Amino acid sequence: MFPSVLIVDDEPSILQSLGGLLADEGFEVLTATDGVEALAVYEANQQRIRLAVLDINMPRMEGRETLA
């Protein structure tokens, strides 16, 4: 089984299209719409998540701040 991937983007179409592609390849896909939500998802699933794809410009907390 493939590891989990966290996709963080404020555009629903990006979450849906990228998430769909990765899910079709066998990855478990978790999503968040901003950095604040991403940190909560990560905390709840940190043992499973092996990759995060972060948008740079998002409301509340941008990608670079989330990564830090």
PDB file of N, CA and C in Angstrom:
ATOM      1  N   MET A   1       0.846  -1.188   0.000  1.00  0.00           N
ATOM      2  CA  MET A   1       0.000   0.000   0.000  1.00  0.00           C
ATOM      3  C   MET A   1       0.886   1.244   0.000  1.00  0.00           C
ATOM      4  N   PHE A   2       0.489   2.225  -0.777  1.00  0.00           N
ATOM      5  CA  PHE A   2       1.221   3.483  -0.862  1.00  0.00           C
ATOM      6  C   PHE A   2       0.999   4.310   0.395  1.00  0.00           C
ATOM      7  N   PRO A   3       1.930   5.202   0.719  1.00  0.00           N
ATOM      8  CA  PRO A   3       1.748   6.081   1.880  1.00  0.00           C
ATOM      9  C   PRO A   3       0.692   7.150   1.607  1.00  0.00           C
ATOM     10  N   SER A   4       0.357   7.867   2.644  1.00  0.00           N
ATOM     11  CA  SER A   4      -0.616   8.951   2.532  1.00  0.00           C
ATOM     12  C   SER A   4       0.061  10.224   2.051  1.00  0.00           C
ATOM     13  N   VAL A   5      -0.702  11.009   1.299  1.00  0.00           N
ATOM     14  CA  VAL A   5      -0.246  12.287   0.781  1.00  0.00           C
ATOM     15  C   VAL A   5      -1.220  13.362   1.267  1.00  0.00           C
ATOM     16  N   LEU A   6      -0.678  14.448   1.781  1.00  0.00           N
ATOM     17  CA  LEU A   6      -1.493  15.588   2.194  1.00  0.00           C
ATOM     18  C   LEU A   6      -1.385  16.664   1.122  1.00  0.00           C
ATOM     19  N   ILE A   7      -2.515  17.043   0.567  1.00  0.00           N
ATOM     20  CA  ILE A   7      -2.564  18.101  -0.451  1.00  0.00           C
ATOM     21  C   ILE A   7      -3.221  19.316   0.192  1.00  0.00           C
ATOM     22  N   VAL A   8      -2.547  20.463   0.101  1.00  0.00           N
ATOM     23  CA  VAL A   8      -3.043  21.691   0.726  1.00  0.00           C
ATOM     24  C   VAL A   8      -3.159  22.770  -0.340  1.00  0.00           C
ATOM     25  N   ASP A   9      -4.383  23.197  -0.598  1.00  0.00           N
ATOM     26  CA  ASP A   9      -4.630  24.234  -1.607  1.00  0.00           C
ATOM     27  C   ASP A   9      -5.978  24.863  -1.319  1.00  0.00           C
ATOM     28  N   ASP A  10      -6.108  26.155  -1.564  1.00  0.00           N
ATOM     29  CA  ASP A  10      -7.373  26.841  -1.321  1.00  0.00           C
ATOM     30  C   ASP A  10      -8.325  26.765  -2.510  1.00  0.00           C
ATOM     31  N   GLU A  11      -7.917  26.134  -3.583  1.00  0.00           N
ATOM     32  CA  GLU A  11      -8.778  25.973  -4.753  1.00  0.00           C
ATOM     33  C   GLU A  11      -9.321  24.545  -4.808  1.00  0.00           C
ATOM     34  N   PRO A  12     -10.639  24.383  -4.638  1.00  0.00           N
ATOM     35  CA  PRO A  12     -11.230  23.044  -4.636  1.00  0.00           C
ATOM     36  C   PRO A  12     -10.915  22.226  -5.896  1.00  0.00           C
ATOM     37  N   SER A  13     -10.818  22.883  -7.046  1.00  0.00           N
ATOM     38  CA  SER A  13     -10.540  22.151  -8.285  1.00  0.00           C
ATOM     39  C   SER A  13      -9.155  21.513  -8.266  1.00  0.00           C
ATOM     40  N   ILE A  14      -8.187  22.174  -7.641  1.00  0.00           N
ATOM     41  CA  ILE A  14      -6.843  21.610  -7.516  1.00  0.00           C
ATOM     42  C   ILE A  14      -6.864  20.406  -6.585  1.00  0.00           C
ATOM     43  N   LEU A  15      -7.539  20.552  -5.449  1.00  0.00           N
ATOM     44  CA  LEU A  15      -7.641  19.434  -4.511  1.00  0.00           C
ATOM     45  C   LEU A  15      -8.292  18.225  -5.176  1.00  0.00           C
ATOM     46  N   GLN A  16      -9.341  18.482  -5.926  1.00  0.00           N
ATOM     47  CA  GLN A  16     -10.072  17.390  -6.570  1.00  0.00           C
ATOM     48  C   GLN A  16      -9.247  16.737  -7.676  1.00  0.00           C
ATOM     49  N   SER A  17      -8.644  17.523  -8.553  1.00  0.00           N
ATOM     50  CA  SER A  17      -7.923  16.935  -9.688  1.00  0.00           C
ATOM     51  C   SER A  17      -6.638  16.242  -9.253  1.00  0.00           C
ATOM     52  N   LEU A  18      -5.824  16.896  -8.447  1.00  0.00           N
ATOM     53  CA  LEU A  18      -4.585  16.278  -7.989  1.00  0.00           C
ATOM     54  C   LEU A  18      -4.876  15.103  -7.055  1.00  0.00           C
ATOM     55  N   GLY A  19      -5.847  15.291  -6.182  1.00  0.00           N
ATOM     56  CA  GLY A  19      -6.240  14.203  -5.287  1.00  0.00           C
ATOM     57  C   GLY A  19      -6.745  12.989  -6.050  1.00  0.00           C
ATOM     58  N   GLY A  20      -7.522  13.227  -7.091  1.00  0.00           N
ATOM     59  CA  GLY A  20      -8.034  12.132  -7.913  1.00  0.00           C
ATOM     60  C   GLY A  20      -6.924  11.381  -8.624  1.00  0.00           C
ATOM     61  N   LEU A  21      -5.969  12.119  -9.168  1.00  0.00           N
ATOM     62  CA  LEU A  21      -4.842  11.475  -9.854  1.00  0.00           C
ATOM     63  C   LEU A  21      -4.037  10.589  -8.902  1.00  0.00           C
ATOM     64  N   LEU A  22      -3.742  11.116  -7.727  1.00  0.00           N
ATOM     65  CA  LEU A  22      -2.955  10.347  -6.761  1.00  0.00           C
ATOM     66  C   LEU A  22      -3.740   9.158  -6.210  1.00  0.00           C
ATOM     67  N   ALA A  23      -5.022   9.345  -5.980  1.00  0.00           N
ATOM     68  CA  ALA A  23      -5.859   8.236  -5.501  1.00  0.00           C
ATOM     69  C   ALA A  23      -5.940   7.133  -6.551  1.00  0.00           C
ATOM     70  N   ASP A  24      -6.035   7.507  -7.810  1.00  0.00           N
ATOM     71  CA  ASP A  24      -6.067   6.518  -8.894  1.00  0.00           C
ATOM     72  C   ASP A  24      -4.785   5.691  -8.939  1.00  0.00           C
ATOM     73  N   GLU A  25      -3.685   6.269  -8.469  1.00  0.00           N
ATOM     74  CA  GLU A  25      -2.399   5.565  -8.448  1.00  0.00           C
ATOM     75  C   GLU A  25      -2.200   4.758  -7.164  1.00  0.00           C
ATOM     76  N   GLY A  26      -3.170   4.828  -6.252  1.00  0.00           N
ATOM     77  CA  GLY A  26      -3.112   4.015  -5.052  1.00  0.00           C
ATOM     78  C   GLY A  26      -2.773   4.725  -3.765  1.00  0.00           C
ATOM     79  N   PHE A  27      -2.529   6.021  -3.828  1.00  0.00           N
ATOM     80  CA  PHE A  27      -2.206   6.775  -2.617  1.00  0.00           C
ATOM     81  C   PHE A  27      -3.465   7.069  -1.818  1.00  0.00           C
ATOM     82  N   GLU A  28      -3.325   7.097  -0.498  1.00  0.00           N
ATOM     83  CA  GLU A  28      -4.391   7.625   0.347  1.00  0.00           C
ATOM     84  C   GLU A  28      -4.198   9.138   0.333  1.00  0.00           C
ATOM     85  N   VAL A  29      -5.238   9.875   0.009  1.00  0.00           N
ATOM     86  CA  VAL A  29      -5.139  11.325  -0.133  1.00  0.00           C
ATOM     87  C   VAL A  29      -5.901  12.013   0.990  1.00  0.00           C
ATOM     88  N   LEU A  30      -5.201  12.899   1.681  1.00  0.00           N
ATOM     89  CA  LEU A  30      -5.805  13.761   2.682  1.00  0.00           C
ATOM     90  C   LEU A  30      -5.702  15.186   2.161  1.00  0.00           C
ATOM     91  N   THR A  31      -6.695  16.020   2.451  1.00  0.00           N
ATOM     92  CA  THR A  31      -6.683  17.379   1.917  1.00  0.00           C
ATOM     93  C   THR A  31      -6.947  18.409   3.008  1.00  0.00           C
ATOM     94  N   ALA A  32      -6.506  19.622   2.727  1.00  0.00           N
ATOM     95  CA  ALA A  32      -6.762  20.781   3.591  1.00  0.00           C
ATOM     96  C   ALA A  32      -6.826  22.014   2.701  1.00  0.00           C
ATOM     97  N   THR A  33      -7.577  23.011   3.134  1.00  0.00           N
ATOM     98  CA  THR A  33      -7.764  24.210   2.317  1.00  0.00           C
ATOM     99  C   THR A  33      -6.875  25.389   2.720  1.00  0.00           C
ATOM    100  N   ASP A  34      -6.131  25.252   3.808  1.00  0.00           N
ATOM    101  CA  ASP A  34      -5.167  26.281   4.196  1.00  0.00           C
ATOM    102  C   ASP A  34      -4.192  25.680   5.196  1.00  0.00           C
ATOM    103  N   GLY A  35      -3.203  26.451   5.574  1.00  0.00           N
ATOM    104  CA  GLY A  35      -2.163  25.950   6.455  1.00  0.00           C
ATOM    105  C   GLY A  35      -2.644  25.570   7.834  1.00  0.00           C
ATOM    106  N   VAL A  36      -3.592  26.307   8.370  1.00  0.00           N
ATOM    107  CA  VAL A  36      -4.119  26.008   9.698  1.00  0.00           C
ATOM    108  C   VAL A  36      -4.789  24.636   9.690  1.00  0.00           C
ATOM    109  N   GLU A  37      -5.622  24.410   8.694  1.00  0.00           N
ATOM    110  CA  GLU A  37      -6.293  23.111   8.559  1.00  0.00           C
ATOM    111  C   GLU A  37      -5.275  22.006   8.286  1.00  0.00           C
ATOM    112  N   ALA A  38      -4.261  22.303   7.494  1.00  0.00           N
ATOM    113  CA  ALA A  38      -3.229  21.311   7.172  1.00  0.00           C
ATOM    114  C   ALA A  38      -2.499  20.840   8.416  1.00  0.00           C
ATOM    115  N   LEU A  39      -2.176  21.751   9.312  1.00  0.00           N
ATOM    116  CA  LEU A  39      -1.489  21.363  10.540  1.00  0.00           C
ATOM    117  C   LEU A  39      -2.365  20.461  11.407  1.00  0.00           C
ATOM    118  N   ALA A  40      -3.662  20.726  11.447  1.00  0.00           N
ATOM    119  CA  ALA A  40      -4.577  19.873  12.208  1.00  0.00           C
ATOM    120  C   ALA A  40      -4.673  18.481  11.587  1.00  0.00           C
ATOM    121  N   VAL A  41      -4.755  18.414  10.262  1.00  0.00           N
ATOM    122  CA  VAL A  41      -4.804  17.127   9.577  1.00  0.00           C
ATOM    123  C   VAL A  41      -3.503  16.369   9.798  1.00  0.00           C
ATOM    124  N   TYR A  42      -2.389  17.070   9.726  1.00  0.00           N
ATOM    125  CA  TYR A  42      -1.092  16.431   9.946  1.00  0.00           C
ATOM    126  C   TYR A  42      -0.986  15.877  11.369  1.00  0.00           C
ATOM    127  N   GLU A  43      -1.379  16.655  12.353  1.00  0.00           N
ATOM    128  CA  GLU A  43      -1.303  16.199  13.745  1.00  0.00           C
ATOM    129  C   GLU A  43      -2.113  14.922  13.959  1.00  0.00           C
ATOM    130  N   ALA A  44      -3.272  14.838  13.320  1.00  0.00           N
ATOM    131  CA  ALA A  44      -4.136  13.666  13.479  1.00  0.00           C
ATOM    132  C   ALA A  44      -3.647  12.453  12.701  1.00  0.00           C
ATOM    133  N   ASN A  45      -2.773  12.666  11.708  1.00  0.00           N
ATOM    134  CA  ASN A  45      -2.362  11.578  10.808  1.00  0.00           C
ATOM    135  C   ASN A  45      -0.860  11.507  10.581  1.00  0.00           C
ATOM    136  N   GLN A  46      -0.059  12.072  11.471  1.00  0.00           N
ATOM    137  CA  GLN A  46       1.370  12.221  11.203  1.00  0.00           C
ATOM    138  C   GLN A  46       2.100  10.903  11.011  1.00  0.00           C
ATOM    139  N   GLN A  47       1.619   9.818  11.555  1.00  0.00           N
ATOM    140  CA  GLN A  47       2.285   8.528  11.363  1.00  0.00           C
ATOM    141  C   GLN A  47       2.104   7.991   9.945  1.00  0.00           C
ATOM    142  N   ARG A  48       1.044   8.438   9.250  1.00  0.00           N
ATOM    143  CA  ARG A  48       0.745   7.925   7.913  1.00  0.00           C
ATOM    144  C   ARG A  48       1.229   8.830   6.789  1.00  0.00           C
ATOM    145  N   ILE A  49       1.283  10.141   7.019  1.00  0.00           N
ATOM    146  CA  ILE A  49       1.611  11.088   5.950  1.00  0.00           C
ATOM    147  C   ILE A  49       3.112  11.047   5.661  1.00  0.00           C
ATOM    148  N   ARG A  50       3.452  10.850   4.389  1.00  0.00           N
ATOM    149  CA  ARG A  50       4.851  10.808   3.976  1.00  0.00           C
ATOM    150  C   ARG A  50       5.210  11.917   2.987  1.00  0.00           C
ATOM    151  N   LEU A  51       4.197  12.587   2.450  1.00  0.00           N
ATOM    152  CA  LEU A  51       4.430  13.650   1.476  1.00  0.00           C
ATOM    153  C   LEU A  51       3.350  14.701   1.626  1.00  0.00           C
ATOM    154  N   ALA A  52       3.750  15.974   1.540  1.00  0.00           N
ATOM    155  CA  ALA A  52       2.789  17.072   1.543  1.00  0.00           C
ATOM    156  C   ALA A  52       3.040  17.937   0.315  1.00  0.00           C
ATOM    157  N   VAL A  53       1.972  18.271  -0.371  1.00  0.00           N
ATOM    158  CA  VAL A  53       2.022  19.173  -1.521  1.00  0.00           C
ATOM    159  C   VAL A  53       1.324  20.450  -1.074  1.00  0.00           C
ATOM    160  N   LEU A  54       2.093  21.546  -0.983  1.00  0.00           N
ATOM    161  CA  LEU A  54       1.574  22.795  -0.432  1.00  0.00           C
ATOM    162  C   LEU A  54       1.506  23.896  -1.473  1.00  0.00           C
ATOM    163  N   ASP A  55       0.362  24.556  -1.536  1.00  0.00           N
ATOM    164  CA  ASP A  55       0.227  25.787  -2.310  1.00  0.00           C
ATOM    165  C   ASP A  55       0.981  26.875  -1.544  1.00  0.00           C
ATOM    166  N   ILE A  56       1.555  27.812  -2.242  1.00  0.00           N
ATOM    167  CA  ILE A  56       2.299  28.881  -1.578  1.00  0.00           C
ATOM    168  C   ILE A  56       1.361  29.963  -1.038  1.00  0.00           C
ATOM    169  N   ASN A  57       0.463  30.465  -1.881  1.00  0.00           N
ATOM    170  CA  ASN A  57      -0.428  31.560  -1.489  1.00  0.00           C
ATOM    171  C   ASN A  57      -1.798  31.029  -1.097  1.00  0.00           C
ATOM    172  N   MET A  58      -2.080  31.098   0.220  1.00  0.00           N
ATOM    173  CA  MET A  58      -3.367  30.653   0.746  1.00  0.00           C
ATOM    174  C   MET A  58      -3.807  31.608   1.842  1.00  0.00           C
ATOM    175  N   PRO A  59      -5.102  31.628   2.141  1.00  0.00           N
ATOM    176  CA  PRO A  59      -5.567  32.470   3.243  1.00  0.00           C
ATOM    177  C   PRO A  59      -5.147  31.894   4.596  1.00  0.00           C
ATOM    178  N   ARG A  60      -5.207  32.688   5.612  1.00  0.00           N
ATOM    179  CA  ARG A  60      -4.889  32.369   7.015  1.00  0.00           C
ATOM    180  C   ARG A  60      -3.432  32.016   7.230  1.00  0.00           C
ATOM    181  N   MET A  61      -2.893  31.020   6.531  1.00  0.00           N
ATOM    182  CA  MET A  61      -1.495  30.627   6.695  1.00  0.00           C
ATOM    183  C   MET A  61      -0.988  30.097   5.357  1.00  0.00           C
ATOM    184  N   GLU A  62       0.016  30.743   4.798  1.00  0.00           N
ATOM    185  CA  GLU A  62       0.523  30.344   3.482  1.00  0.00           C
ATOM    186  C   GLU A  62       1.407  29.095   3.592  1.00  0.00           C
ATOM    187  N   GLY A  63       1.751  28.536   2.463  1.00  0.00           N
ATOM    188  CA  GLY A  63       2.499  27.296   2.398  1.00  0.00           C
ATOM    189  C   GLY A  63       3.854  27.336   3.071  1.00  0.00           C
ATOM    190  N   ARG A  64       4.604  28.391   2.876  1.00  0.00           N
ATOM    191  CA  ARG A  64       5.946  28.487   3.501  1.00  0.00           C
ATOM    192  C   ARG A  64       5.851  28.521   5.018  1.00  0.00           C
ATOM    193  N   GLU A  65       4.874  29.232   5.531  1.00  0.00           N
ATOM    194  CA  GLU A  65       4.676  29.297   6.978  1.00  0.00           C
ATOM    195  C   GLU A  65       4.229  27.941   7.524  1.00  0.00           C
ATOM    196  N   THR A  66       3.390  27.256   6.789  1.00  0.00           N
ATOM    197  CA  THR A  66       2.925  25.922   7.185  1.00  0.00           C
ATOM    198  C   THR A  66       4.094  24.954   7.235  1.00  0.00           C
ATOM    199  N   LEU A  67       4.943  24.999   6.242  1.00  0.00           N
ATOM    200  CA  LEU A  67       6.093  24.110   6.170  1.00  0.00           C
ATOM    201  C   LEU A  67       7.053  24.331   7.336  1.00  0.00           C
ATOM    202  N   ALA A  68       7.217  25.584   7.728  1.00  0.00           N
ATOM    203  CA  ALA A  68       8.127  25.894   8.844  1.00  0.00           C
ATOM    204  C   ALA A  68       7.589  25.309  10.131  1.00  0.00           C
TER     205      ALA A  68
END
